[in-house]
Amino acid sequence: MAGEERRVKIEIKNVVKEYHGDHGTTVALNGVNLNILENEFVCVVGPSGCGKSTLLNVLAGLHEATSGECFLDGKRIEGTGVERGVVFQQYALFPWQTVIQNVMFGPQMKRLPKAECQEIARKYIKMVGLEDFENSYPKELSGGMKQRVAIARAYANNPEVLLMDEPFGALDAQTRAQLQTELLKTWEQEKKTCFFITHDVDEAVLLAQRVVIMSARPGRIKRVVDIDIPYPRDQATKNDPRFMELKAEIWNEVYQEYLEVRK
């Protein structure tokens, strides 16, 4: 992707998000500004409670900013839309549907012919390595397999943007590593814009072209770090001296913000 001229896909302009409750007002986001390029993979890290998920929910159209605006392709984001696919840490699969039925859901909502829906679903089921389980129900799958179904379902909707909120956070280390590698391969094939939240600095450096570090609440962007490690990347990339250097640099910034929370 080096040398490509890419336009701005997402604009986040002066976004503030406040929550009002019985104990007063909580400022989750305080003046967030960020441009994300078309097909770019951006990871967001920061201490718990810094507003990472709130920002993703604003981009998804699930929450409305108190002030400021977000734009997709120059159009103001207002509510949810099929151009944005969301993957959460919780799998949110339909338990009464098989793997292929879950993945077909989006294409079916677009009223595509059944044969085309099945073809699309099988493409992405194969991409995440679950072609032998297309007739299984979620209760018959491991946690990692369920998350692969969720990712396949998001891709089957053919969104322009993937919004992923700690999708591997609850998985064991081996499954997490496998899904990181699969996600990178899929991203390089599909050329989606990815906005990926994680608490794992290793994961952020492995996946992202840029890592956004957020400050302790109220959430602001403290720093954006370019990850100048070439693709393709895999788990062996973690042994690269530049990887370890970037990881240490970002971890130190995040830890300083964690200490701010503890004060």
Protein backbone atom coordinates (compact mmCIF):
# COMPACT_ATOMS: atom_id res chain seq x y z
CA MET A 1 0.00 0.00 0.00
CA ALA A 2 3.04 2.22 0.17
CA GLY A 3 2.92 5.14 -2.22
CA GLU A 4 -0.86 5.01 -2.70
CA GLU A 5 -2.72 8.31 -2.65
CA ARG A 6 -5.70 7.75 -0.42
CA ARG A 7 -8.49 10.14 0.37
CA VAL A 8 -9.87 10.83 3.82
CA LYS A 9 -12.60 8.31 4.61
CA ILE A 10 -13.59 9.33 8.15
CA GLU A 11 -13.34 12.79 9.71
CA ILE A 12 -13.78 13.23 13.45
CA LYS A 13 -14.13 16.93 14.27
CA ASN A 14 -14.09 18.35 17.81
CA VAL A 15 -16.18 15.49 19.21
CA VAL A 16 -17.35 15.88 22.80
CA LYS A 17 -19.47 13.25 24.52
CA GLU A 18 -21.00 13.79 27.95
CA TYR A 19 -23.12 11.44 30.03
CA HIS A 20 -25.54 12.93 32.55
CA GLY A 21 -26.52 10.90 35.59
CA ASP A 22 -27.58 11.11 39.22
CA HIS A 23 -24.02 11.90 40.28
CA GLY A 24 -23.47 14.68 37.78
CA THR A 25 -21.90 14.90 34.34
CA THR A 26 -19.17 12.60 33.06
CA VAL A 27 -17.13 13.83 30.12
CA ALA A 28 -16.13 10.73 28.14
CA LEU A 29 -14.66 12.54 25.12
CA ASN A 30 -13.34 16.07 25.13
CA GLY A 31 -12.50 17.54 21.75
CA VAL A 32 -11.40 14.55 19.66
CA ASN A 33 -10.07 15.27 16.17
CA LEU A 34 -8.83 12.61 13.75
CA ASN A 35 -8.80 11.86 10.04
CA ILE A 36 -8.73 8.24 8.88
CA LEU A 37 -7.76 7.44 5.30
CA GLU A 38 -9.51 5.10 2.92
CA ASN A 39 -8.37 1.48 3.48
CA GLU A 40 -6.32 2.51 6.51
CA PHE A 41 -5.97 0.27 9.56
CA VAL A 42 -6.04 2.37 12.73
CA CYS A 43 -5.82 0.96 16.26
CA VAL A 44 -6.84 2.91 19.35
CA VAL A 45 -5.27 2.25 22.75
CA GLY A 46 -5.54 3.90 26.15
CA PRO A 47 -6.41 3.23 29.78
CA SER A 48 -9.80 1.81 30.74
CA GLY A 49 -12.49 4.47 30.74
CA CYS A 50 -10.66 6.80 28.34
CA GLY A 51 -13.53 6.85 25.84
CA LYS A 52 -12.28 4.37 23.23
CA SER A 53 -15.57 2.47 22.99
CA THR A 54 -17.57 5.70 23.21
CA LEU A 55 -15.75 7.03 20.16
CA LEU A 56 -16.42 3.82 18.24
CA ASN A 57 -20.10 3.96 19.19
CA VAL A 58 -20.31 7.53 17.90
CA LEU A 59 -18.75 6.43 14.60
CA ALA A 60 -21.16 3.49 14.45
CA GLY A 61 -24.09 5.86 14.96
CA LEU A 62 -25.11 4.06 18.15
CA HIS A 63 -24.40 7.14 20.28
CA GLU A 64 -24.79 10.79 19.35
CA ALA A 65 -22.00 13.24 20.15
CA THR A 66 -22.86 16.00 22.60
CA SER A 67 -21.05 18.39 20.27
CA GLY A 68 -18.78 18.09 17.26
CA GLU A 69 -19.36 15.96 14.20
CA CYS A 70 -18.19 12.83 12.41
CA PHE A 71 -18.20 12.46 8.64
CA LEU A 72 -17.97 9.45 6.33
CA ASP A 73 -17.00 10.35 2.77
CA GLY A 74 -17.87 13.95 3.59
CA LYS A 75 -21.40 13.12 4.80
CA ARG A 76 -22.33 13.66 8.42
CA ILE A 77 -22.82 10.40 10.34
CA GLU A 78 -26.37 10.25 11.67
CA GLY A 79 -27.43 6.88 13.00
CA THR A 80 -26.35 3.44 11.87
CA GLY A 81 -25.72 2.46 8.26
CA VAL A 82 -24.83 -0.56 6.14
CA GLU A 83 -21.59 1.11 5.06
CA ARG A 84 -20.27 0.51 8.62
CA GLY A 85 -19.85 -3.00 10.01
CA VAL A 86 -19.41 -3.40 13.76
CA VAL A 87 -17.76 -6.30 15.62
CA PHE A 88 -17.95 -6.28 19.42
CA GLN A 89 -16.15 -8.36 22.03
CA GLN A 90 -19.45 -10.16 22.63
CA TYR A 91 -20.28 -12.27 19.62
CA ALA A 92 -23.96 -11.24 19.26
CA LEU A 93 -24.80 -14.18 17.00
CA PHE A 94 -28.34 -15.44 16.52
CA PRO A 95 -28.33 -18.68 18.58
CA TRP A 96 -31.22 -20.19 16.62
CA GLN A 97 -29.37 -19.84 13.32
CA THR A 98 -26.51 -21.87 11.88
CA VAL A 99 -23.17 -20.36 10.92
CA ILE A 100 -24.18 -19.90 7.30
CA GLN A 101 -27.56 -18.45 8.29
CA ASN A 102 -25.85 -15.94 10.60
CA VAL A 103 -23.43 -14.86 7.88
CA MET A 104 -26.20 -14.65 5.26
CA PHE A 105 -28.24 -12.29 7.41
CA GLY A 106 -26.88 -9.02 5.97
CA PRO A 107 -27.14 -10.00 2.29
CA GLN A 108 -30.66 -11.28 2.93
CA MET A 109 -31.64 -7.92 4.43
CA LYS A 110 -30.53 -6.40 1.11
CA ARG A 111 -33.03 -8.76 -0.56
CA LEU A 112 -30.39 -10.43 -2.69
CA PRO A 113 -31.33 -13.78 -4.28
CA LYS A 114 -30.88 -16.73 -1.93
CA ALA A 115 -28.20 -18.36 -4.10
CA GLU A 116 -26.18 -15.13 -4.09
CA CYS A 117 -26.56 -14.80 -0.32
CA GLN A 118 -25.23 -18.33 0.12
CA GLU A 119 -22.32 -17.67 -2.24
CA ILE A 120 -21.34 -14.51 -0.34
CA ALA A 121 -21.66 -16.27 3.02
CA ARG A 122 -19.55 -19.23 1.94
CA LYS A 123 -16.82 -16.92 0.62
CA TYR A 124 -16.35 -15.30 4.01
CA ILE A 125 -16.87 -18.48 6.01
CA LYS A 126 -14.02 -19.97 4.01
CA MET A 127 -11.96 -16.82 4.54
CA VAL A 128 -12.15 -17.30 8.33
CA GLY A 129 -11.54 -21.05 8.07
CA LEU A 130 -14.95 -22.36 9.13
CA GLU A 131 -16.15 -24.06 5.95
CA ASP A 132 -16.52 -27.36 7.85
CA PHE A 133 -18.87 -25.73 10.37
CA GLU A 134 -21.35 -23.83 8.21
CA ASN A 135 -24.27 -25.94 9.47
CA SER A 136 -23.27 -25.76 13.14
CA TYR A 137 -25.11 -23.64 15.70
CA PRO A 138 -23.28 -21.09 17.90
CA LYS A 139 -23.67 -23.30 21.00
CA GLU A 140 -21.56 -25.93 19.21
CA LEU A 141 -18.66 -23.52 18.57
CA SER A 142 -15.74 -22.36 20.70
CA GLY A 143 -15.34 -18.70 21.59
CA GLY A 144 -12.77 -18.15 18.87
CA MET A 145 -14.98 -19.79 16.27
CA LYS A 146 -17.93 -17.63 17.28
CA GLN A 147 -15.81 -14.53 16.86
CA ARG A 148 -14.73 -15.71 13.41
CA VAL A 149 -18.41 -16.03 12.50
CA ALA A 150 -19.00 -12.48 13.74
CA ILE A 151 -16.15 -11.20 11.58
CA ALA A 152 -17.39 -13.15 8.54
CA ARG A 153 -20.87 -11.73 9.08
CA ALA A 154 -19.51 -8.20 9.21
CA TYR A 155 -17.57 -8.73 5.97
CA ALA A 156 -20.57 -10.36 4.24
CA ASN A 157 -22.45 -7.07 4.59
CA ASN A 158 -19.71 -5.57 2.37
CA PRO A 159 -19.21 -2.48 4.58
CA GLU A 160 -16.75 0.20 3.56
CA VAL A 161 -15.63 0.58 7.19
CA LEU A 162 -15.08 -2.04 9.88
CA LEU A 163 -15.45 -0.83 13.47
CA MET A 164 -14.03 -3.41 15.90
CA ASP A 165 -14.27 -3.02 19.67
CA GLU A 166 -11.74 -5.36 21.35
CA PRO A 167 -13.00 -8.27 19.24
CA PHE A 168 -10.29 -10.65 20.51
CA GLY A 169 -10.18 -9.42 24.10
CA ALA A 170 -11.88 -12.43 25.70
CA LEU A 171 -9.97 -15.11 23.77
CA ASP A 172 -7.04 -17.27 24.79
CA ALA A 173 -3.60 -16.28 23.52
CA GLN A 174 -3.37 -18.94 20.79
CA THR A 175 -6.81 -18.20 19.34
CA ARG A 176 -6.13 -14.49 19.53
CA ALA A 177 -2.88 -14.87 17.60
CA GLN A 178 -4.63 -16.96 14.95
CA LEU A 179 -7.42 -14.42 14.49
CA GLN A 180 -4.97 -11.51 14.35
CA THR A 181 -3.17 -13.23 11.48
CA GLU A 182 -6.46 -14.03 9.71
CA LEU A 183 -7.70 -10.47 10.13
CA LEU A 184 -4.52 -9.05 8.59
CA LYS A 185 -4.80 -11.38 5.59
CA THR A 186 -8.47 -10.51 5.14
CA TRP A 187 -7.81 -6.77 5.43
CA GLU A 188 -5.07 -6.93 2.80
CA GLN A 189 -7.40 -8.86 0.46
CA GLU A 190 -10.55 -6.81 1.05
CA LYS A 191 -9.09 -3.29 1.38
CA LYS A 192 -11.47 -2.11 4.10
CA THR A 193 -11.01 0.89 6.37
CA CYS A 194 -10.52 -0.54 9.87
CA PHE A 195 -10.98 1.25 13.21
CA PHE A 196 -9.89 -1.25 15.85
CA ILE A 197 -9.97 -0.74 19.62
CA THR A 198 -7.69 -2.81 21.82
CA HIS A 199 -6.13 -2.71 25.29
CA ASP A 200 -3.24 -4.83 24.00
CA VAL A 201 -0.29 -2.77 22.73
CA ASP A 202 1.25 -5.85 21.06
CA GLU A 203 -1.94 -6.29 19.06
CA ALA A 204 -2.09 -2.63 18.08
CA VAL A 205 1.50 -2.56 16.78
CA LEU A 206 1.04 -5.83 14.91
CA LEU A 207 -2.15 -4.77 13.11
CA ALA A 208 -2.11 -1.03 12.59
CA GLN A 209 -0.65 1.46 10.18
CA ARG A 210 -1.22 4.09 12.87
CA VAL A 211 -1.82 3.71 16.60
CA VAL A 212 -3.91 6.39 18.31
CA ILE A 213 -3.09 6.83 22.01
CA MET A 214 -5.90 8.31 24.08
CA SER A 215 -5.49 10.16 27.33
CA ALA A 216 -7.18 9.31 30.62
CA ARG A 217 -10.71 10.62 31.04
CA PRO A 218 -11.83 12.95 29.69
CA GLY A 219 -10.70 11.19 26.53
CA ARG A 220 -8.56 13.12 24.09
CA ILE A 221 -6.04 12.04 21.49
CA LYS A 222 -2.68 12.32 23.17
CA ARG A 223 -0.55 11.12 20.28
CA VAL A 224 -0.70 9.26 16.96
CA VAL A 225 2.19 6.90 16.19
CA ASP A 226 3.01 5.75 12.65
CA ILE A 227 3.87 2.03 12.56
CA ASP A 228 6.61 1.89 9.95
CA ILE A 229 6.80 -1.90 9.75
CA PRO A 230 6.04 -3.25 6.26
CA TYR A 231 3.22 -5.65 5.48
CA PRO A 232 2.62 -8.55 5.27
CA ARG A 233 2.98 -9.07 9.01
CA ASP A 234 2.47 -12.19 11.10
CA GLN A 235 3.26 -13.37 14.61
CA ALA A 236 6.99 -13.51 13.77
CA THR A 237 6.85 -9.73 13.29
CA LYS A 238 6.76 -9.43 17.08
CA ASN A 239 10.43 -10.46 17.14
CA ASP A 240 11.44 -7.56 14.92
CA PRO A 241 13.59 -5.00 16.80
CA ARG A 242 11.49 -2.14 15.39
CA PHE A 243 8.34 -3.85 16.66
CA MET A 244 9.77 -4.06 20.16
CA GLU A 245 10.92 -0.44 20.01
CA LEU A 246 7.48 0.82 18.97
CA LYS A 247 5.75 -1.40 21.52
CA ALA A 248 7.90 -0.01 24.36
CA GLU A 249 7.32 3.57 23.20
CA ILE A 250 3.53 3.19 23.02
CA TRP A 251 3.30 1.16 26.21
CA ASN A 252 5.15 3.87 28.13
CA GLU A 253 2.66 6.49 26.91
CA VAL A 254 -0.33 4.32 27.83
CA TYR A 255 1.11 3.50 31.24
CA GLN A 256 1.59 7.19 32.01
CA GLU A 257 -2.09 7.71 31.31
CA TYR A 258 -2.98 4.74 33.50
CA LEU A 259 -1.04 6.39 36.33
CA GLU A 260 -3.10 9.54 35.80
CA VAL A 261 -6.27 7.49 36.33
CA ARG A 262 -4.87 6.11 39.58
CA LYS A 263 -4.16 9.53 41.08
